[in-house]
Amino acid sequence: MKYLITGGVKSGKSRRALEVAASFPANRWFLATATPFDDEMAARIERHQAERDASFTTVEEPLRIDEAVKNHMVLDCVPMWLNNLFFAGRETDWEPILERLISRLPENIVIVTNETGMGVIPADPLSRRYGVALGIANARLAAAMDRVELMVAGIPLRVK
């Protein structure tokens, strides 16, 4: 099953992704897009690693998610991947990479993303472009998925 889990920060998305992926057969994969750019992020990555059991093999790929995707995988997360592209000066690369990812979606995958544009309009142009790109990416991913869930206060709500 192709699954998209979205929601706000700390709403339980990653935990839910692992729950869903527990039904995948052995040889599960975890595609991590985060990079430890400061101490806080390094600690966050360590917490996420501790949540995964030994049935997952971790692949760290901050940019080329389309090339790293595998069957029986959790991809965590789209906003961090997009952030990485923007800050690497590759803002225009997200659409072709996303389209290749969608064309290569395996039978079983859980993709984690965030809902960021639910009310506040950022003050600077870069943040506005990022929000627009993430909204479009989320819509394209949701259209390609079998199921979409919105996490609200740790509770999954089925959207699709």
N, C-alpha and C. Protein backbone atom coordinates (compact mmCIF):
# COMPACT_ATOMS: atom_id res chain seq x y z
N MET A 1 0.83 -1.18 0.00
CA MET A 1 0.00 0.00 0.00
C MET A 1 0.87 1.24 0.00
N LYS A 2 0.48 2.22 -0.78
CA LYS A 2 1.16 3.51 -0.84
C LYS A 2 0.43 4.46 0.11
N TYR A 3 1.16 4.96 1.09
CA TYR A 3 0.59 5.68 2.21
C TYR A 3 1.28 7.03 2.36
N LEU A 4 0.51 8.09 2.53
CA LEU A 4 1.06 9.42 2.84
C LEU A 4 0.52 9.82 4.21
N ILE A 5 1.44 10.21 5.08
CA ILE A 5 1.05 10.68 6.42
C ILE A 5 1.50 12.13 6.53
N THR A 6 0.54 12.99 6.82
CA THR A 6 0.82 14.42 6.93
C THR A 6 0.31 14.93 8.27
N GLY A 7 0.69 16.13 8.61
CA GLY A 7 0.25 16.73 9.88
C GLY A 7 1.22 17.80 10.32
N GLY A 8 0.99 18.31 11.49
CA GLY A 8 1.84 19.36 12.05
C GLY A 8 3.08 18.80 12.71
N VAL A 9 3.93 19.69 13.17
CA VAL A 9 5.15 19.32 13.88
C VAL A 9 4.79 18.59 15.16
N LYS A 10 5.47 17.48 15.41
CA LYS A 10 5.30 16.66 16.63
C LYS A 10 3.87 16.13 16.79
N SER A 11 3.21 15.86 15.67
CA SER A 11 1.84 15.33 15.74
C SER A 11 1.79 13.81 15.74
N GLY A 12 2.95 13.16 15.66
CA GLY A 12 3.00 11.70 15.68
C GLY A 12 3.17 11.06 14.32
N LYS A 13 3.57 11.83 13.32
CA LYS A 13 3.68 11.32 11.95
C LYS A 13 4.71 10.20 11.83
N SER A 14 5.89 10.39 12.37
CA SER A 14 6.94 9.37 12.23
C SER A 14 6.58 8.11 12.99
N ARG A 15 6.03 8.25 14.17
CA ARG A 15 5.59 7.07 14.93
C ARG A 15 4.53 6.31 14.16
N ARG A 16 3.58 7.03 13.58
CA ARG A 16 2.51 6.39 12.81
C ARG A 16 3.08 5.70 11.56
N ALA A 17 4.05 6.32 10.92
CA ALA A 17 4.67 5.70 9.74
C ALA A 17 5.29 4.35 10.10
N LEU A 18 5.96 4.28 11.25
CA LEU A 18 6.54 3.01 11.68
C LEU A 18 5.46 1.98 11.99
N GLU A 19 4.35 2.42 12.57
CA GLU A 19 3.23 1.50 12.83
C GLU A 19 2.70 0.92 11.53
N VAL A 20 2.49 1.77 10.54
CA VAL A 20 1.96 1.31 9.24
C VAL A 20 2.96 0.37 8.58
N ALA A 21 4.24 0.72 8.61
CA ALA A 21 5.27 -0.08 7.96
C ALA A 21 5.51 -1.41 8.65
N ALA A 22 5.05 -1.56 9.88
CA ALA A 22 5.21 -2.83 10.60
C ALA A 22 4.50 -3.97 9.87
N SER A 23 3.52 -3.65 9.03
CA SER A 23 2.81 -4.68 8.27
C SER A 23 3.57 -5.10 7.01
N PHE A 24 4.62 -4.37 6.65
CA PHE A 24 5.42 -4.73 5.48
C PHE A 24 6.21 -5.99 5.79
N PRO A 25 6.50 -6.81 4.77
CA PRO A 25 7.35 -7.99 5.00
C PRO A 25 8.76 -7.58 5.44
N ALA A 26 9.53 -8.57 5.84
CA ALA A 26 10.91 -8.33 6.28
C ALA A 26 11.70 -7.60 5.21
N ASN A 27 12.87 -7.14 5.57
CA ASN A 27 13.71 -6.30 4.71
C ASN A 27 13.08 -4.94 4.48
N ARG A 28 12.72 -4.30 5.58
CA ARG A 28 12.16 -2.95 5.54
C ARG A 28 13.29 -1.93 5.43
N TRP A 29 12.95 -0.82 4.78
CA TRP A 29 13.92 0.25 4.57
C TRP A 29 13.39 1.54 5.19
N PHE A 30 14.31 2.39 5.61
CA PHE A 30 13.97 3.71 6.13
C PHE A 30 14.84 4.72 5.41
N LEU A 31 14.21 5.59 4.64
CA LEU A 31 14.94 6.64 3.90
C LEU A 31 14.89 7.92 4.73
N ALA A 32 16.03 8.30 5.29
CA ALA A 32 16.14 9.47 6.15
C ALA A 32 16.68 10.64 5.33
N THR A 33 15.97 11.75 5.34
CA THR A 33 16.39 12.92 4.56
C THR A 33 17.08 13.98 5.41
N ALA A 34 17.00 13.86 6.73
CA ALA A 34 17.56 14.89 7.62
C ALA A 34 19.08 14.81 7.67
N THR A 35 19.69 15.96 7.84
CA THR A 35 21.13 16.04 8.06
C THR A 35 21.36 16.76 9.39
N PRO A 36 22.37 16.35 10.15
CA PRO A 36 22.61 16.95 11.47
C PRO A 36 23.35 18.28 11.37
N PHE A 37 22.62 19.33 10.95
CA PHE A 37 23.27 20.62 10.72
C PHE A 37 23.51 21.41 12.00
N ASP A 38 22.95 20.97 13.13
CA ASP A 38 23.26 21.58 14.42
C ASP A 38 22.99 20.54 15.51
N ASP A 39 23.30 20.89 16.77
CA ASP A 39 23.16 19.94 17.88
C ASP A 39 21.72 19.49 18.09
N GLU A 40 20.79 20.43 17.95
CA GLU A 40 19.38 20.10 18.13
C GLU A 40 18.92 19.08 17.09
N MET A 41 19.33 19.28 15.83
CA MET A 41 18.93 18.34 14.79
C MET A 41 19.62 16.99 15.00
N ALA A 42 20.86 16.99 15.42
CA ALA A 42 21.56 15.73 15.68
C ALA A 42 20.83 14.94 16.77
N ALA A 43 20.38 15.62 17.83
CA ALA A 43 19.64 14.95 18.89
C ALA A 43 18.30 14.41 18.39
N ARG A 44 17.66 15.17 17.53
CA ARG A 44 16.37 14.74 16.97
C ARG A 44 16.56 13.49 16.10
N ILE A 45 17.61 13.48 15.31
CA ILE A 45 17.92 12.31 14.48
C ILE A 45 18.17 11.09 15.36
N GLU A 46 18.93 11.27 16.43
CA GLU A 46 19.20 10.16 17.35
C GLU A 46 17.91 9.62 17.97
N ARG A 47 16.98 10.50 18.34
CA ARG A 47 15.70 10.04 18.90
C ARG A 47 14.92 9.23 17.87
N HIS A 48 14.89 9.70 16.64
CA HIS A 48 14.19 8.97 15.59
C HIS A 48 14.84 7.61 15.33
N GLN A 49 16.16 7.56 15.34
CA GLN A 49 16.86 6.29 15.13
C GLN A 49 16.51 5.30 16.24
N ALA A 50 16.41 5.78 17.47
CA ALA A 50 16.09 4.91 18.60
C ALA A 50 14.67 4.35 18.52
N GLU A 51 13.78 5.05 17.82
CA GLU A 51 12.39 4.59 17.67
C GLU A 51 12.27 3.41 16.70
N ARG A 52 13.25 3.26 15.81
CA ARG A 52 13.19 2.19 14.80
C ARG A 52 13.81 0.92 15.36
N ASP A 53 13.19 -0.22 15.03
CA ASP A 53 13.78 -1.48 15.45
C ASP A 53 14.75 -1.99 14.38
N ALA A 54 15.36 -3.11 14.67
CA ALA A 54 16.41 -3.65 13.80
C ALA A 54 15.87 -4.18 12.47
N SER A 55 14.55 -4.21 12.30
CA SER A 55 14.00 -4.71 11.03
C SER A 55 14.13 -3.68 9.90
N PHE A 56 14.57 -2.47 10.21
CA PHE A 56 14.75 -1.43 9.21
C PHE A 56 16.23 -1.24 8.90
N THR A 57 16.54 -1.14 7.63
CA THR A 57 17.86 -0.71 7.18
C THR A 57 17.73 0.75 6.78
N THR A 58 18.57 1.59 7.37
CA THR A 58 18.48 3.03 7.11
C THR A 58 19.34 3.42 5.92
N VAL A 59 18.74 4.22 5.05
CA VAL A 59 19.44 4.84 3.92
C VAL A 59 19.35 6.34 4.16
N GLU A 60 20.48 7.00 4.21
CA GLU A 60 20.50 8.45 4.40
C GLU A 60 20.73 9.11 3.05
N GLU A 61 19.72 9.85 2.60
CA GLU A 61 19.82 10.53 1.31
C GLU A 61 19.07 11.86 1.40
N PRO A 62 19.80 12.97 1.53
CA PRO A 62 19.14 14.26 1.72
C PRO A 62 18.60 14.90 0.45
N LEU A 63 19.02 14.44 -0.74
CA LEU A 63 18.63 15.13 -1.97
C LEU A 63 17.98 14.21 -3.01
N ARG A 64 18.59 13.10 -3.33
CA ARG A 64 18.16 12.26 -4.46
C ARG A 64 17.21 11.14 -4.01
N ILE A 65 16.08 11.54 -3.44
CA ILE A 65 15.15 10.55 -2.92
C ILE A 65 14.57 9.67 -4.02
N ASP A 66 14.50 10.19 -5.22
CA ASP A 66 13.98 9.40 -6.35
C ASP A 66 14.89 8.22 -6.67
N GLU A 67 16.18 8.36 -6.42
CA GLU A 67 17.12 7.28 -6.70
C GLU A 67 17.23 6.30 -5.54
N ALA A 68 16.84 6.70 -4.35
CA ALA A 68 17.01 5.86 -3.16
C ALA A 68 15.76 5.06 -2.79
N VAL A 69 14.64 5.33 -3.43
CA VAL A 69 13.38 4.70 -3.04
C VAL A 69 13.42 3.19 -3.30
N LYS A 70 12.85 2.43 -2.34
CA LYS A 70 12.79 0.97 -2.42
C LYS A 70 11.42 0.50 -1.93
N ASN A 71 11.11 -0.74 -2.26
CA ASN A 71 9.88 -1.34 -1.75
C ASN A 71 10.02 -1.59 -0.24
N HIS A 72 8.90 -1.55 0.47
CA HIS A 72 8.86 -1.76 1.93
C HIS A 72 9.65 -0.67 2.65
N MET A 73 9.37 0.59 2.29
CA MET A 73 10.17 1.71 2.79
C MET A 73 9.30 2.76 3.47
N VAL A 74 9.90 3.40 4.48
CA VAL A 74 9.38 4.64 5.06
C VAL A 74 10.30 5.75 4.57
N LEU A 75 9.73 6.80 3.99
CA LEU A 75 10.49 7.97 3.56
C LEU A 75 10.13 9.10 4.52
N ASP A 76 11.10 9.54 5.32
CA ASP A 76 10.85 10.55 6.35
C ASP A 76 11.94 11.62 6.25
N CYS A 77 11.69 12.84 5.78
CA CYS A 77 10.41 13.37 5.42
C CYS A 77 10.56 14.33 4.25
N VAL A 78 9.44 14.59 3.57
CA VAL A 78 9.42 15.44 2.39
C VAL A 78 9.83 16.89 2.71
N PRO A 79 9.34 17.51 3.78
CA PRO A 79 9.75 18.90 4.06
C PRO A 79 11.25 19.06 4.27
N MET A 80 11.89 18.10 4.93
CA MET A 80 13.33 18.20 5.15
C MET A 80 14.08 18.04 3.82
N TRP A 81 13.61 17.11 2.98
CA TRP A 81 14.22 16.95 1.65
C TRP A 81 14.12 18.26 0.85
N LEU A 82 12.94 18.86 0.86
CA LEU A 82 12.74 20.11 0.13
C LEU A 82 13.64 21.21 0.71
N ASN A 83 13.72 21.28 2.02
CA ASN A 83 14.61 22.23 2.69
C ASN A 83 16.05 22.03 2.24
N ASN A 84 16.48 20.78 2.17
CA ASN A 84 17.86 20.48 1.75
C ASN A 84 18.13 21.00 0.34
N LEU A 85 17.17 20.78 -0.57
CA LEU A 85 17.34 21.27 -1.94
C LEU A 85 17.43 22.79 -1.98
N PHE A 86 16.52 23.46 -1.27
CA PHE A 86 16.52 24.92 -1.27
C PHE A 86 17.86 25.47 -0.76
N PHE A 87 18.35 24.90 0.32
CA PHE A 87 19.57 25.43 0.92
C PHE A 87 20.84 24.97 0.21
N ALA A 88 20.71 23.99 -0.68
CA ALA A 88 21.85 23.58 -1.51
C ALA A 88 21.89 24.38 -2.80
N GLY A 89 20.97 25.35 -2.94
CA GLY A 89 20.92 26.15 -4.16
C GLY A 89 20.30 25.39 -5.32
N ARG A 90 19.49 24.38 -5.01
CA ARG A 90 18.88 23.54 -6.05
C ARG A 90 17.35 23.62 -6.00
N GLU A 91 16.87 24.81 -5.75
CA GLU A 91 15.43 25.04 -5.59
C GLU A 91 14.62 24.56 -6.80
N THR A 92 15.16 24.69 -7.98
CA THR A 92 14.41 24.31 -9.18
C THR A 92 14.43 22.80 -9.45
N ASP A 93 15.17 22.04 -8.67
CA ASP A 93 15.29 20.59 -8.90
C ASP A 93 14.16 19.79 -8.27
N TRP A 94 13.36 20.39 -7.39
CA TRP A 94 12.41 19.57 -6.64
C TRP A 94 11.34 18.94 -7.52
N GLU A 95 10.84 19.67 -8.52
CA GLU A 95 9.76 19.10 -9.33
C GLU A 95 10.21 17.89 -10.15
N PRO A 96 11.34 17.95 -10.86
CA PRO A 96 11.75 16.75 -11.59
C PRO A 96 12.05 15.57 -10.67
N ILE A 97 12.67 15.83 -9.52
CA ILE A 97 12.95 14.74 -8.58
C ILE A 97 11.65 14.15 -8.07
N LEU A 98 10.69 15.00 -7.71
CA LEU A 98 9.40 14.51 -7.23
C LEU A 98 8.69 13.69 -8.29
N GLU A 99 8.69 14.16 -9.52
CA GLU A 99 8.02 13.42 -10.60
C GLU A 99 8.67 12.05 -10.82
N ARG A 100 10.00 11.99 -10.74
CA ARG A 100 10.67 10.69 -10.87
C ARG A 100 10.33 9.80 -9.69
N LEU A 101 10.28 10.37 -8.49
CA LEU A 101 9.90 9.58 -7.31
C LEU A 101 8.50 8.99 -7.51
N ILE A 102 7.55 9.82 -7.90
CA ILE A 102 6.18 9.36 -8.09
C ILE A 102 6.12 8.27 -9.16
N SER A 103 6.88 8.41 -10.21
CA SER A 103 6.87 7.39 -11.27
C SER A 103 7.50 6.08 -10.82
N ARG A 104 8.30 6.12 -9.74
CA ARG A 104 8.99 4.93 -9.24
C ARG A 104 8.41 4.42 -7.92
N LEU A 105 7.26 4.93 -7.51
CA LEU A 105 6.73 4.52 -6.21
C LEU A 105 6.56 3.00 -6.17
N PRO A 106 7.11 2.37 -5.15
CA PRO A 106 6.97 0.93 -5.03
C PRO A 106 5.59 0.54 -4.51
N GLU A 107 5.34 -0.73 -4.47
CA GLU A 107 4.05 -1.25 -4.01
C GLU A 107 3.76 -0.86 -2.56
N ASN A 108 4.78 -0.93 -1.71
CA ASN A 108 4.62 -0.62 -0.29
C ASN A 108 5.57 0.49 0.12
N ILE A 109 5.01 1.62 0.46
CA ILE A 109 5.81 2.76 0.92
C ILE A 109 4.95 3.64 1.81
N VAL A 110 5.58 4.22 2.83
CA VAL A 110 4.95 5.22 3.68
C VAL A 110 5.80 6.47 3.58
N ILE A 111 5.17 7.57 3.18
CA ILE A 111 5.88 8.84 3.04
C ILE A 111 5.34 9.81 4.09
N VAL A 112 6.26 10.45 4.79
CA VAL A 112 5.91 11.41 5.83
C VAL A 112 6.13 12.82 5.29
N THR A 113 5.15 13.70 5.54
CA THR A 113 5.28 15.10 5.15
C THR A 113 4.66 15.97 6.24
N ASN A 114 4.68 17.27 6.05
CA ASN A 114 4.10 18.22 7.01
C ASN A 114 3.09 19.10 6.31
N GLU A 115 2.13 19.56 7.08
CA GLU A 115 1.22 20.62 6.64
C GLU A 115 1.77 21.90 7.25
N THR A 116 2.30 22.77 6.40
CA THR A 116 2.91 24.00 6.92
C THR A 116 2.15 25.26 6.56
N GLY A 117 1.31 25.21 5.56
CA GLY A 117 0.66 26.43 5.08
C GLY A 117 -0.78 26.55 5.53
N MET A 118 -1.01 26.43 6.82
CA MET A 118 -2.39 26.44 7.31
C MET A 118 -2.73 27.72 8.06
N GLY A 119 -2.25 28.87 7.56
CA GLY A 119 -2.67 30.11 8.19
C GLY A 119 -1.67 31.23 8.19
N VAL A 120 -0.41 30.95 8.44
CA VAL A 120 0.59 32.02 8.53
C VAL A 120 1.26 32.18 7.17
N ILE A 121 1.30 33.40 6.68
CA ILE A 121 2.00 33.68 5.42
C ILE A 121 3.38 34.21 5.80
N PRO A 122 4.43 33.51 5.39
CA PRO A 122 5.79 33.94 5.76
C PRO A 122 6.11 35.33 5.24
N ALA A 123 6.99 36.01 5.95
CA ALA A 123 7.35 37.38 5.61
C ALA A 123 8.35 37.48 4.47
N ASP A 124 9.15 36.42 4.26
CA ASP A 124 10.20 36.53 3.25
C ASP A 124 9.89 35.67 2.02
N PRO A 125 10.41 36.07 0.86
CA PRO A 125 10.11 35.37 -0.40
C PRO A 125 10.56 33.91 -0.42
N LEU A 126 11.73 33.61 0.14
CA LEU A 126 12.22 32.23 0.14
C LEU A 126 11.25 31.32 0.89
N SER A 127 10.81 31.74 2.06
CA SER A 127 9.88 30.94 2.85
C SER A 127 8.54 30.78 2.14
N ARG A 128 8.10 31.81 1.44
CA ARG A 128 6.85 31.70 0.68
C ARG A 128 7.00 30.70 -0.47
N ARG A 129 8.13 30.77 -1.17
CA ARG A 129 8.35 29.81 -2.26
C ARG A 129 8.42 28.38 -1.72
N TYR A 130 9.07 28.21 -0.57
CA TYR A 130 9.15 26.90 0.06
C TYR A 130 7.75 26.38 0.40
N GLY A 131 6.92 27.22 0.99
CA GLY A 131 5.56 26.81 1.36
C GLY A 131 4.73 26.42 0.15
N VAL A 132 4.86 27.18 -0.92
CA VAL A 132 4.14 26.86 -2.16
C VAL A 132 4.63 25.52 -2.71
N ALA A 133 5.95 25.34 -2.76
CA ALA A 133 6.51 24.08 -3.28
C ALA A 133 6.06 22.89 -2.45
N LEU A 134 6.08 23.02 -1.12
CA LEU A 134 5.66 21.92 -0.27
C LEU A 134 4.17 21.61 -0.46
N GLY A 135 3.34 22.64 -0.59
CA GLY A 135 1.92 22.42 -0.82
C GLY A 135 1.67 21.67 -2.13
N ILE A 136 2.37 22.07 -3.18
CA ILE A 136 2.22 21.40 -4.48
C ILE A 136 2.74 19.97 -4.39
N ALA A 137 3.90 19.79 -3.76
CA ALA A 137 4.46 18.43 -3.61
C ALA A 137 3.50 17.53 -2.85
N ASN A 138 2.94 18.04 -1.76
CA ASN A 138 1.99 17.25 -0.97
C ASN A 138 0.78 16.84 -1.81
N ALA A 139 0.24 17.77 -2.59
CA ALA A 139 -0.93 17.47 -3.42
C ALA A 139 -0.60 16.41 -4.47
N ARG A 140 0.57 16.51 -5.08
CA ARG A 140 0.96 15.53 -6.10
C ARG A 140 1.17 14.15 -5.46
N LEU A 141 1.81 14.14 -4.31
CA LEU A 141 2.00 12.86 -3.62
C LEU A 141 0.67 12.25 -3.21
N ALA A 142 -0.21 13.06 -2.64
CA ALA A 142 -1.51 12.55 -2.18
C ALA A 142 -2.29 11.94 -3.34
N ALA A 143 -2.21 12.55 -4.51
CA ALA A 143 -2.93 12.03 -5.67
C ALA A 143 -2.40 10.66 -6.09
N ALA A 144 -1.12 10.39 -5.82
CA ALA A 144 -0.50 9.14 -6.23
C ALA A 144 -0.63 8.03 -5.19
N MET A 145 -1.17 8.35 -4.02
CA MET A 145 -1.22 7.39 -2.92
C MET A 145 -2.55 6.64 -2.86
N ASP A 146 -2.49 5.46 -2.26
CA ASP A 146 -3.70 4.69 -1.99
C ASP A 146 -4.44 5.25 -0.77
N ARG A 147 -3.65 5.71 0.21
CA ARG A 147 -4.23 6.21 1.44
C ARG A 147 -3.47 7.44 1.92
N VAL A 148 -4.21 8.40 2.47
CA VAL A 148 -3.63 9.61 3.06
C VAL A 148 -4.22 9.77 4.45
N GLU A 149 -3.34 10.01 5.43
CA GLU A 149 -3.79 10.27 6.80
C GLU A 149 -3.26 11.62 7.27
N LEU A 150 -4.09 12.31 8.02
CA LEU A 150 -3.70 13.56 8.67
C LEU A 150 -3.59 13.27 10.16
N MET A 151 -2.42 13.53 10.73
CA MET A 151 -2.22 13.33 12.17
C MET A 151 -2.61 14.62 12.90
N VAL A 152 -3.49 14.47 13.87
CA VAL A 152 -3.93 15.59 14.70
C VAL A 152 -3.78 15.16 16.15
N ALA A 153 -2.88 15.80 16.89
CA ALA A 153 -2.66 15.52 18.30
C ALA A 153 -2.45 14.03 18.54
N GLY A 154 -1.67 13.39 17.65
CA GLY A 154 -1.35 11.98 17.81
C GLY A 154 -2.40 11.01 17.31
N ILE A 155 -3.47 11.54 16.73
CA ILE A 155 -4.58 10.69 16.26
C ILE A 155 -4.61 10.72 14.73
N PRO A 156 -4.56 9.55 14.06
CA PRO A 156 -4.64 9.54 12.60
C PRO A 156 -6.07 9.71 12.12
N LEU A 157 -6.26 10.66 11.20
CA LEU A 157 -7.57 10.86 10.57
C LEU A 157 -7.43 10.50 9.11
N ARG A 158 -8.25 9.58 8.65
CA ARG A 158 -8.18 9.16 7.25
C ARG A 158 -8.75 10.25 6.35
N VAL A 159 -7.96 10.67 5.37
CA VAL A 159 -8.34 11.67 4.40
C VAL A 159 -8.72 11.01 3.08
N LYS A 160 -7.99 9.98 2.74
CA LYS A 160 -8.21 9.25 1.48
C LYS A 160 -8.02 7.77 1.74
